[in-house]
Each structure stands twice: as C-alpha cells, then as structure tokens.
Amino acid sequence: MLDQKLKHRAVHRAKIIAGQLDGLIKAIEKEEYCPTLLEQSRSIQRSLKSLDTFLLENHLRTHVKHQMQSRGDDEKAIRELIKVYTLSNK
C-alpha cells in the first residue's frame, strides 16, 4: 500500500534517475573527462539516496504504523526496521 503522494514523488525521482543514468552512459561512451563522469555518478548516487528516503517514509507511514498498532506485528516491524538500518550502513 503506497501513499499516493509519496508514490508520485518516488516515480518522478526514479524517472529522473533513469535520465541521469542514460546521460552517464552516453558520457562514458563519448569518453568524457573522468572527473566529469565521477561528478555525474555522484549525482546519481545522491538521487538514489533521495529515492530511498521517499520509500522509507512510505514504509514508516503505512506498513510500520499499521504493524505497530496490530498486536503481534510489532516484532515484525522492529525486525524490518533493523534490516533497513543495517542495509543503510553498509
């Protein structure tokens, strides 16, 4: 279940990332200057982090909120949050 506003923002961000990635591929094929390629790559990585934030916010506002209110699902929510936290620190 996706919050529709967050879904719209996430899809928009993902499309921007796809365009950035296409641009990076073309720049690599044209053998542009390495620092320029690295700058584009870092920009894509920042955009991906932004997308991660949208997705995490949706998960917290929908699934985790519901799980914490449902008896027995609170442990599942805690495990999922620990997993997400662990992944973000790798």
PDB file of N, CA and C in Angstrom:
ATOM      1  N   MET A   1       0.858  -1.173   0.000  1.00  0.00           N
ATOM      2  CA  MET A   1       0.000   0.000   0.000  1.00  0.00           C
ATOM      3  C   MET A   1       0.900   1.230   0.000  1.00  0.00           C
ATOM      4  N   LEU A   2       0.839   2.002  -1.056  1.00  0.00           N
ATOM      5  CA  LEU A   2       1.654   3.199  -1.187  1.00  0.00           C
ATOM      6  C   LEU A   2       0.809   4.449  -0.982  1.00  0.00           C
ATOM      7  N   ASP A   3       1.321   5.378  -0.201  1.00  0.00           N
ATOM      8  CA  ASP A   3       0.727   6.697  -0.111  1.00  0.00           C
ATOM      9  C   ASP A   3       0.847   7.301  -1.512  1.00  0.00           C
ATOM     10  N   GLN A   4      -0.249   7.733  -2.088  1.00  0.00           N
ATOM     11  CA  GLN A   4      -0.256   8.161  -3.489  1.00  0.00           C
ATOM     12  C   GLN A   4       0.639   9.382  -3.750  1.00  0.00           C
ATOM     13  N   LYS A   5       0.710  10.306  -2.790  1.00  0.00           N
ATOM     14  CA  LYS A   5       1.588  11.465  -2.950  1.00  0.00           C
ATOM     15  C   LYS A   5       3.046  11.008  -2.960  1.00  0.00           C
ATOM     16  N   LEU A   6       3.400  10.129  -2.033  1.00  0.00           N
ATOM     17  CA  LEU A   6       4.767   9.622  -1.990  1.00  0.00           C
ATOM     18  C   LEU A   6       5.064   8.761  -3.209  1.00  0.00           C
ATOM     19  N   LYS A   7       4.073   8.016  -3.673  1.00  0.00           N
ATOM     20  CA  LYS A   7       4.259   7.197  -4.868  1.00  0.00           C
ATOM     21  C   LYS A   7       4.591   8.089  -6.062  1.00  0.00           C
ATOM     22  N   HIS A   8       3.844   9.166  -6.219  1.00  0.00           N
ATOM     23  CA  HIS A   8       4.082  10.092  -7.326  1.00  0.00           C
ATOM     24  C   HIS A   8       5.493  10.667  -7.249  1.00  0.00           C
ATOM     25  N   ARG A   9       5.899  11.081  -6.059  1.00  0.00           N
ATOM     26  CA  ARG A   9       7.244  11.645  -5.878  1.00  0.00           C
ATOM     27  C   ARG A   9       8.318  10.600  -6.160  1.00  0.00           C
ATOM     28  N   ALA A  10       8.096   9.359  -5.714  1.00  0.00           N
ATOM     29  CA  ALA A  10       9.081   8.296  -5.922  1.00  0.00           C
ATOM     30  C   ALA A  10       9.210   7.950  -7.399  1.00  0.00           C
ATOM     31  N   VAL A  11       8.092   7.849  -8.100  1.00  0.00           N
ATOM     32  CA  VAL A  11       8.129   7.548  -9.537  1.00  0.00           C
ATOM     33  C   VAL A  11       8.831   8.681 -10.282  1.00  0.00           C
ATOM     34  N   HIS A  12       8.517   9.913  -9.918  1.00  0.00           N
ATOM     35  CA  HIS A  12       9.164  11.070 -10.546  1.00  0.00           C
ATOM     36  C   HIS A  12      10.674  11.021 -10.323  1.00  0.00           C
ATOM     37  N   ARG A  13      11.084  10.754  -9.098  1.00  0.00           N
ATOM     38  CA  ARG A  13      12.513  10.678  -8.773  1.00  0.00           C
ATOM     39  C   ARG A  13      13.173   9.538  -9.550  1.00  0.00           C
ATOM     40  N   ALA A  14      12.519   8.384  -9.643  1.00  0.00           N
ATOM     41  CA  ALA A  14      13.085   7.234 -10.370  1.00  0.00           C
ATOM     42  C   ALA A  14      13.264   7.564 -11.855  1.00  0.00           C
ATOM     43  N   LYS A  15      12.333   8.311 -12.436  1.00  0.00           N
ATOM     44  CA  LYS A  15      12.453   8.703 -13.847  1.00  0.00           C
ATOM     45  C   LYS A  15      13.618   9.670 -14.044  1.00  0.00           C
ATOM     46  N   ILE A  16      13.802  10.567 -13.091  1.00  0.00           N
ATOM     47  CA  ILE A  16      14.948  11.475 -13.150  1.00  0.00           C
ATOM     48  C   ILE A  16      16.245  10.679 -13.101  1.00  0.00           C
ATOM     49  N   ILE A  17      16.297   9.698 -12.207  1.00  0.00           N
ATOM     50  CA  ILE A  17      17.492   8.853 -12.065  1.00  0.00           C
ATOM     51  C   ILE A  17      17.765   8.091 -13.367  1.00  0.00           C
ATOM     52  N   ALA A  18      16.712   7.588 -13.982  1.00  0.00           N
ATOM     53  CA  ALA A  18      16.881   6.870 -15.255  1.00  0.00           C
ATOM     54  C   ALA A  18      17.491   7.797 -16.309  1.00  0.00           C
ATOM     55  N   GLY A  19      17.036   9.034 -16.351  1.00  0.00           N
ATOM     56  CA  GLY A  19      17.588  10.001 -17.292  1.00  0.00           C
ATOM     57  C   GLY A  19      19.043  10.320 -16.974  1.00  0.00           C
ATOM     58  N   GLN A  20      19.343  10.463 -15.683  1.00  0.00           N
ATOM     59  CA  GLN A  20      20.724  10.723 -15.280  1.00  0.00           C
ATOM     60  C   GLN A  20      21.627   9.559 -15.676  1.00  0.00           C
ATOM     61  N   LEU A  21      21.141   8.343 -15.480  1.00  0.00           N
ATOM     62  CA  LEU A  21      21.932   7.162 -15.813  1.00  0.00           C
ATOM     63  C   LEU A  21      22.163   7.072 -17.320  1.00  0.00           C
ATOM     64  N   ASP A  22      21.126   7.355 -18.096  1.00  0.00           N
ATOM     65  CA  ASP A  22      21.287   7.380 -19.557  1.00  0.00           C
ATOM     66  C   ASP A  22      22.339   8.402 -19.968  1.00  0.00           C
ATOM     67  N   GLY A  23      22.312   9.569 -19.316  1.00  0.00           N
ATOM     68  CA  GLY A  23      23.295  10.598 -19.613  1.00  0.00           C
ATOM     69  C   GLY A  23      24.711  10.156 -19.269  1.00  0.00           C
ATOM     70  N   LEU A  24      24.852   9.457 -18.150  1.00  0.00           N
ATOM     71  CA  LEU A  24      26.164   8.959 -17.751  1.00  0.00           C
ATOM     72  C   LEU A  24      26.675   7.917 -18.742  1.00  0.00           C
ATOM     73  N   ILE A  25      25.803   7.031 -19.175  1.00  0.00           N
ATOM     74  CA  ILE A  25      26.201   6.010 -20.153  1.00  0.00           C
ATOM     75  C   ILE A  25      26.705   6.678 -21.438  1.00  0.00           C
ATOM     76  N   LYS A  26      25.975   7.679 -21.907  1.00  0.00           N
ATOM     77  CA  LYS A  26      26.399   8.391 -23.125  1.00  0.00           C
ATOM     78  C   LYS A  26      27.733   9.098 -22.915  1.00  0.00           C
ATOM     79  N   ALA A  27      27.910   9.677 -21.732  1.00  0.00           N
ATOM     80  CA  ALA A  27      29.167  10.372 -21.437  1.00  0.00           C
ATOM     81  C   ALA A  27      30.336   9.386 -21.387  1.00  0.00           C
ATOM     82  N   ILE A  28      30.114   8.209 -20.857  1.00  0.00           N
ATOM     83  CA  ILE A  28      31.158   7.179 -20.824  1.00  0.00           C
ATOM     84  C   ILE A  28      31.488   6.746 -22.245  1.00  0.00           C
ATOM     85  N   GLU A  29      30.449   6.524 -23.064  1.00  0.00           N
ATOM     86  CA  GLU A  29      30.671   6.114 -24.453  1.00  0.00           C
ATOM     87  C   GLU A  29      31.459   7.170 -25.231  1.00  0.00           C
ATOM     88  N   LYS A  30      31.230   8.451 -24.890  1.00  0.00           N
ATOM     89  CA  LYS A  30      31.958   9.532 -25.557  1.00  0.00           C
ATOM     90  C   LYS A  30      33.331   9.768 -24.931  1.00  0.00           C
ATOM     91  N   GLU A  31      33.637   8.978 -23.923  1.00  0.00           N
ATOM     92  CA  GLU A  31      34.921   9.063 -23.219  1.00  0.00           C
ATOM     93  C   GLU A  31      35.191  10.463 -22.679  1.00  0.00           C
ATOM     94  N   GLU A  32      34.160  11.006 -22.020  1.00  0.00           N
ATOM     95  CA  GLU A  32      34.330  12.324 -21.411  1.00  0.00           C
ATOM     96  C   GLU A  32      35.335  12.246 -20.268  1.00  0.00           C
ATOM     97  N   TYR A  33      35.793  13.386 -19.835  1.00  0.00           N
ATOM     98  CA  TYR A  33      36.806  13.522 -18.797  1.00  0.00           C
ATOM     99  C   TYR A  33      36.353  12.839 -17.499  1.00  0.00           C
ATOM    100  N   CYS A  34      37.253  12.054 -16.917  1.00  0.00           N
ATOM    101  CA  CYS A  34      36.916  11.228 -15.746  1.00  0.00           C
ATOM    102  C   CYS A  34      36.264  12.002 -14.602  1.00  0.00           C
ATOM    103  N   PRO A  35      36.783  13.173 -14.205  1.00  0.00           N
ATOM    104  CA  PRO A  35      36.106  13.907 -13.125  1.00  0.00           C
ATOM    105  C   PRO A  35      34.663  14.272 -13.464  1.00  0.00           C
ATOM    106  N   THR A  36      34.390  14.521 -14.725  1.00  0.00           N
ATOM    107  CA  THR A  36      33.015  14.802 -15.152  1.00  0.00           C
ATOM    108  C   THR A  36      32.141  13.571 -14.968  1.00  0.00           C
ATOM    109  N   LEU A  37      32.663  12.407 -15.326  1.00  0.00           N
ATOM    110  CA  LEU A  37      31.926  11.155 -15.154  1.00  0.00           C
ATOM    111  C   LEU A  37      31.669  10.888 -13.678  1.00  0.00           C
ATOM    112  N   LEU A  38      32.682  11.118 -12.863  1.00  0.00           N
ATOM    113  CA  LEU A  38      32.530  10.901 -11.420  1.00  0.00           C
ATOM    114  C   LEU A  38      31.499  11.853 -10.825  1.00  0.00           C
ATOM    115  N   GLU A  39      31.490  13.080 -11.293  1.00  0.00           N
ATOM    116  CA  GLU A  39      30.507  14.055 -10.821  1.00  0.00           C
ATOM    117  C   GLU A  39      29.089  13.587 -11.154  1.00  0.00           C
ATOM    118  N   GLN A  40      28.900  13.091 -12.371  1.00  0.00           N
ATOM    119  CA  GLN A  40      27.586  12.574 -12.770  1.00  0.00           C
ATOM    120  C   GLN A  40      27.208  11.349 -11.934  1.00  0.00           C
ATOM    121  N   SER A  41      28.171  10.479 -11.692  1.00  0.00           N
ATOM    122  CA  SER A  41      27.920   9.279 -10.892  1.00  0.00           C
ATOM    123  C   SER A  41      27.499   9.647  -9.466  1.00  0.00           C
ATOM    124  N   ARG A  42      28.195  10.610  -8.877  1.00  0.00           N
ATOM    125  CA  ARG A  42      27.861  11.045  -7.507  1.00  0.00           C
ATOM    126  C   ARG A  42      26.468  11.661  -7.469  1.00  0.00           C
ATOM    127  N   SER A  43      26.111  12.381  -8.515  1.00  0.00           N
ATOM    128  CA  SER A  43      24.781  12.976  -8.590  1.00  0.00           C
ATOM    129  C   SER A  43      23.703  11.894  -8.608  1.00  0.00           C
ATOM    130  N   ILE A  44      23.961  10.839  -9.346  1.00  0.00           N
ATOM    131  CA  ILE A  44      23.015   9.709  -9.402  1.00  0.00           C
ATOM    132  C   ILE A  44      22.903   9.059  -8.028  1.00  0.00           C
ATOM    133  N   GLN A  45      24.028   8.901  -7.359  1.00  0.00           N
ATOM    134  CA  GLN A  45      24.010   8.291  -6.028  1.00  0.00           C
ATOM    135  C   GLN A  45      23.213   9.145  -5.038  1.00  0.00           C
ATOM    136  N   ARG A  46      23.338  10.460  -5.116  1.00  0.00           N
ATOM    137  CA  ARG A  46      22.549  11.346  -4.245  1.00  0.00           C
ATOM    138  C   ARG A  46      21.059  11.217  -4.569  1.00  0.00           C
ATOM    139  N   SER A  47      20.754  11.113  -5.845  1.00  0.00           N
ATOM    140  CA  SER A  47      19.349  10.942  -6.243  1.00  0.00           C
ATOM    141  C   SER A  47      18.786   9.622  -5.726  1.00  0.00           C
ATOM    142  N   LEU A  48      19.592   8.570  -5.762  1.00  0.00           N
ATOM    143  CA  LEU A  48      19.153   7.283  -5.233  1.00  0.00           C
ATOM    144  C   LEU A  48      18.893   7.356  -3.727  1.00  0.00           C
ATOM    145  N   LYS A  49      19.732   8.091  -3.013  1.00  0.00           N
ATOM    146  CA  LYS A  49      19.507   8.266  -1.574  1.00  0.00           C
ATOM    147  C   LYS A  49      18.203   9.009  -1.328  1.00  0.00           C
ATOM    148  N   SER A  50      17.914   9.988  -2.176  1.00  0.00           N
ATOM    149  CA  SER A  50      16.660  10.721  -2.063  1.00  0.00           C
ATOM    150  C   SER A  50      15.473   9.778  -2.292  1.00  0.00           C
ATOM    151  N   LEU A  51      15.590   8.916  -3.284  1.00  0.00           N
ATOM    152  CA  LEU A  51      14.538   7.927  -3.547  1.00  0.00           C
ATOM    153  C   LEU A  51      14.383   6.988  -2.355  1.00  0.00           C
ATOM    154  N   ASP A  52      15.493   6.552  -1.777  1.00  0.00           N
ATOM    155  CA  ASP A  52      15.437   5.706  -0.583  1.00  0.00           C
ATOM    156  C   ASP A  52      14.638   6.376   0.529  1.00  0.00           C
ATOM    157  N   THR A  53      14.832   7.673   0.676  1.00  0.00           N
ATOM    158  CA  THR A  53      14.108   8.419   1.711  1.00  0.00           C
ATOM    159  C   THR A  53      12.610   8.387   1.464  1.00  0.00           C
ATOM    160  N   PHE A  54      12.198   8.602   0.213  1.00  0.00           N
ATOM    161  CA  PHE A  54      10.767   8.534  -0.111  1.00  0.00           C
ATOM    162  C   PHE A  54      10.201   7.148   0.216  1.00  0.00           C
ATOM    163  N   LEU A  55      10.937   6.117  -0.187  1.00  0.00           N
ATOM    164  CA  LEU A  55      10.446   4.748   0.028  1.00  0.00           C
ATOM    165  C   LEU A  55      10.382   4.408   1.512  1.00  0.00           C
ATOM    166  N   LEU A  56      11.379   4.822   2.265  1.00  0.00           N
ATOM    167  CA  LEU A  56      11.378   4.573   3.701  1.00  0.00           C
ATOM    168  C   LEU A  56      10.244   5.334   4.375  1.00  0.00           C
ATOM    169  N   GLU A  57      10.046   6.570   3.972  1.00  0.00           N
ATOM    170  CA  GLU A  57       8.952   7.347   4.552  1.00  0.00           C
ATOM    171  C   GLU A  57       7.611   6.662   4.312  1.00  0.00           C
ATOM    172  N   ASN A  58       7.403   6.166   3.086  1.00  0.00           N
ATOM    173  CA  ASN A  58       6.160   5.457   2.801  1.00  0.00           C
ATOM    174  C   ASN A  58       6.021   4.229   3.696  1.00  0.00           C
ATOM    175  N   HIS A  59       7.093   3.475   3.842  1.00  0.00           N
ATOM    176  CA  HIS A  59       7.039   2.258   4.662  1.00  0.00           C
ATOM    177  C   HIS A  59       6.696   2.600   6.114  1.00  0.00           C
ATOM    178  N   LEU A  60       7.315   3.649   6.632  1.00  0.00           N
ATOM    179  CA  LEU A  60       7.044   4.048   8.012  1.00  0.00           C
ATOM    180  C   LEU A  60       5.610   4.531   8.191  1.00  0.00           C
ATOM    181  N   ARG A  61       5.131   5.332   7.241  1.00  0.00           N
ATOM    182  CA  ARG A  61       3.786   5.912   7.370  1.00  0.00           C
ATOM    183  C   ARG A  61       2.666   4.902   7.126  1.00  0.00           C
ATOM    184  N   THR A  62       2.957   3.842   6.412  1.00  0.00           N
ATOM    185  CA  THR A  62       1.900   2.870   6.105  1.00  0.00           C
ATOM    186  C   THR A  62       2.122   1.561   6.867  1.00  0.00           C
ATOM    187  N   HIS A  63       3.049   0.762   6.412  1.00  0.00           N
ATOM    188  CA  HIS A  63       3.233  -0.575   6.954  1.00  0.00           C
ATOM    189  C   HIS A  63       3.664  -0.589   8.417  1.00  0.00           C
ATOM    190  N   VAL A  64       4.690   0.164   8.758  1.00  0.00           N
ATOM    191  CA  VAL A  64       5.182   0.146  10.139  1.00  0.00           C
ATOM    192  C   VAL A  64       4.127   0.690  11.089  1.00  0.00           C
ATOM    193  N   LYS A  65       3.496   1.769  10.703  1.00  0.00           N
ATOM    194  CA  LYS A  65       2.439   2.346  11.540  1.00  0.00           C
ATOM    195  C   LYS A  65       1.349   1.304  11.819  1.00  0.00           C
ATOM    196  N   HIS A  66       0.932   0.605  10.764  1.00  0.00           N
ATOM    197  CA  HIS A  66      -0.099  -0.428  10.914  1.00  0.00           C
ATOM    198  C   HIS A  66       0.412  -1.597  11.771  1.00  0.00           C
ATOM    199  N   GLN A  67       1.641  -2.031  11.506  1.00  0.00           N
ATOM    200  CA  GLN A  67       2.205  -3.160  12.256  1.00  0.00           C
ATOM    201  C   GLN A  67       2.345  -2.840  13.743  1.00  0.00           C
ATOM    202  N   MET A  68       2.736  -1.618  14.066  1.00  0.00           N
ATOM    203  CA  MET A  68       2.922  -1.241  15.468  1.00  0.00           C
ATOM    204  C   MET A  68       1.584  -1.174  16.207  1.00  0.00           C
ATOM    205  N   GLN A  69       0.508  -0.949  15.464  1.00  0.00           N
ATOM    206  CA  GLN A  69      -0.814  -0.886  16.074  1.00  0.00           C
ATOM    207  C   GLN A  69      -1.477  -2.255  16.157  1.00  0.00           C
ATOM    208  N   SER A  70      -0.957  -3.225  15.403  1.00  0.00           N
ATOM    209  CA  SER A  70      -1.539  -4.572  15.384  1.00  0.00           C
ATOM    210  C   SER A  70      -0.786  -5.462  16.361  1.00  0.00           C
ATOM    211  N   ARG A  71      -1.515  -6.090  17.208  1.00  0.00           N
ATOM    212  CA  ARG A  71      -0.909  -6.975  18.199  1.00  0.00           C
ATOM    213  C   ARG A  71      -0.184  -8.119  17.482  1.00  0.00           C
ATOM    214  N   GLY A  72       1.059  -8.340  17.821  1.00  0.00           N
ATOM    215  CA  GLY A  72       1.836  -9.420  17.232  1.00  0.00           C
ATOM    216  C   GLY A  72       2.668  -9.005  16.045  1.00  0.00           C
ATOM    217  N   ASP A  73       2.280  -7.918  15.373  1.00  0.00           N
ATOM    218  CA  ASP A  73       3.035  -7.447  14.211  1.00  0.00           C
ATOM    219  C   ASP A  73       4.145  -6.479  14.589  1.00  0.00           C
ATOM    220  N   ASP A  74       4.143  -6.032  15.845  1.00  0.00           N
ATOM    221  CA  ASP A  74       5.152  -5.059  16.254  1.00  0.00           C
ATOM    222  C   ASP A  74       6.565  -5.622  16.153  1.00  0.00           C
ATOM    223  N   GLU A  75       6.748  -6.894  16.445  1.00  0.00           N
ATOM    224  CA  GLU A  75       8.075  -7.519  16.330  1.00  0.00           C
ATOM    225  C   GLU A  75       8.525  -7.576  14.871  1.00  0.00           C
ATOM    226  N   LYS A  76       7.587  -7.837  13.969  1.00  0.00           N
ATOM    227  CA  LYS A  76       7.911  -7.851  12.545  1.00  0.00           C
ATOM    228  C   LYS A  76       8.387  -6.465  12.112  1.00  0.00           C
ATOM    229  N   ALA A  77       7.700  -5.437  12.567  1.00  0.00           N
ATOM    230  CA  ALA A  77       8.080  -4.070  12.231  1.00  0.00           C
ATOM    231  C   ALA A  77       9.481  -3.758  12.740  1.00  0.00           C
ATOM    232  N   ILE A  78       9.776  -4.170  13.942  1.00  0.00           N
ATOM    233  CA  ILE A  78      11.093  -3.923  14.524  1.00  0.00           C
ATOM    234  C   ILE A  78      12.171  -4.639  13.723  1.00  0.00           C
ATOM    235  N   ARG A  79      11.935  -5.904  13.362  1.00  0.00           N
ATOM    236  CA  ARG A  79      12.911  -6.653  12.553  1.00  0.00           C
ATOM    237  C   ARG A  79      13.153  -5.972  11.203  1.00  0.00           C
ATOM    238  N   GLU A  80      12.073  -5.524  10.565  1.00  0.00           N
ATOM    239  CA  GLU A  80      12.210  -4.856   9.273  1.00  0.00           C
ATOM    240  C   GLU A  80      13.012  -3.560   9.399  1.00  0.00           C
ATOM    241  N   LEU A  81      12.747  -2.791  10.444  1.00  0.00           N
ATOM    242  CA  LEU A  81      13.471  -1.538  10.639  1.00  0.00           C
ATOM    243  C   LEU A  81      14.951  -1.783  10.913  1.00  0.00           C
ATOM    244  N   ILE A  82      15.248  -2.815  11.662  1.00  0.00           N
ATOM    245  CA  ILE A  82      16.644  -3.162  11.911  1.00  0.00           C
ATOM    246  C   ILE A  82      17.318  -3.569  10.608  1.00  0.00           C
ATOM    247  N   LYS A  83      16.614  -4.328   9.775  1.00  0.00           N
ATOM    248  CA  LYS A  83      17.161  -4.740   8.484  1.00  0.00           C
ATOM    249  C   LYS A  83      17.446  -3.530   7.600  1.00  0.00           C
ATOM    250  N   VAL A  84      16.507  -2.592   7.531  1.00  0.00           N
ATOM    251  CA  VAL A  84      16.683  -1.391   6.727  1.00  0.00           C
ATOM    252  C   VAL A  84      17.855  -0.573   7.270  1.00  0.00           C
ATOM    253  N   TYR A  85      17.929  -0.436   8.584  1.00  0.00           N
ATOM    254  CA  TYR A  85      19.016   0.315   9.198  1.00  0.00           C
ATOM    255  C   TYR A  85      20.369  -0.342   8.869  1.00  0.00           C
ATOM    256  N   THR A  86      20.430  -1.655   8.973  1.00  0.00           N
ATOM    257  CA  THR A  86      21.658  -2.377   8.673  1.00  0.00           C
ATOM    258  C   THR A  86      22.064  -2.191   7.216  1.00  0.00           C
ATOM    259  N   LEU A  87      21.115  -2.289   6.313  1.00  0.00           N
ATOM    260  CA  LEU A  87      21.410  -2.087   4.888  1.00  0.00           C
ATOM    261  C   LEU A  87      21.920  -0.675   4.611  1.00  0.00           C
ATOM    262  N   SER A  88      21.371   0.304   5.317  1.00  0.00           N
ATOM    263  CA  SER A  88      21.776   1.685   5.069  1.00  0.00           C
ATOM    264  C   SER A  88      23.169   1.988   5.582  1.00  0.00           C
ATOM    265  N   ASN A  89      23.697   1.134   6.421  1.00  0.00           N
ATOM    266  CA  ASN A  89      25.028   1.370   6.992  1.00  0.00           C
ATOM    267  C   ASN A  89      26.103   0.482   6.388  1.00  0.00           C
ATOM    268  N   LYS A  90      25.817  -0.158   5.288  1.00  0.00           N
ATOM    269  CA  LYS A  90      26.820  -0.998   4.616  1.00  0.00           C
ATOM    270  C   LYS A  90      27.586  -0.198   3.613  1.00  0.00           C
TER     271      LYS A  90
END
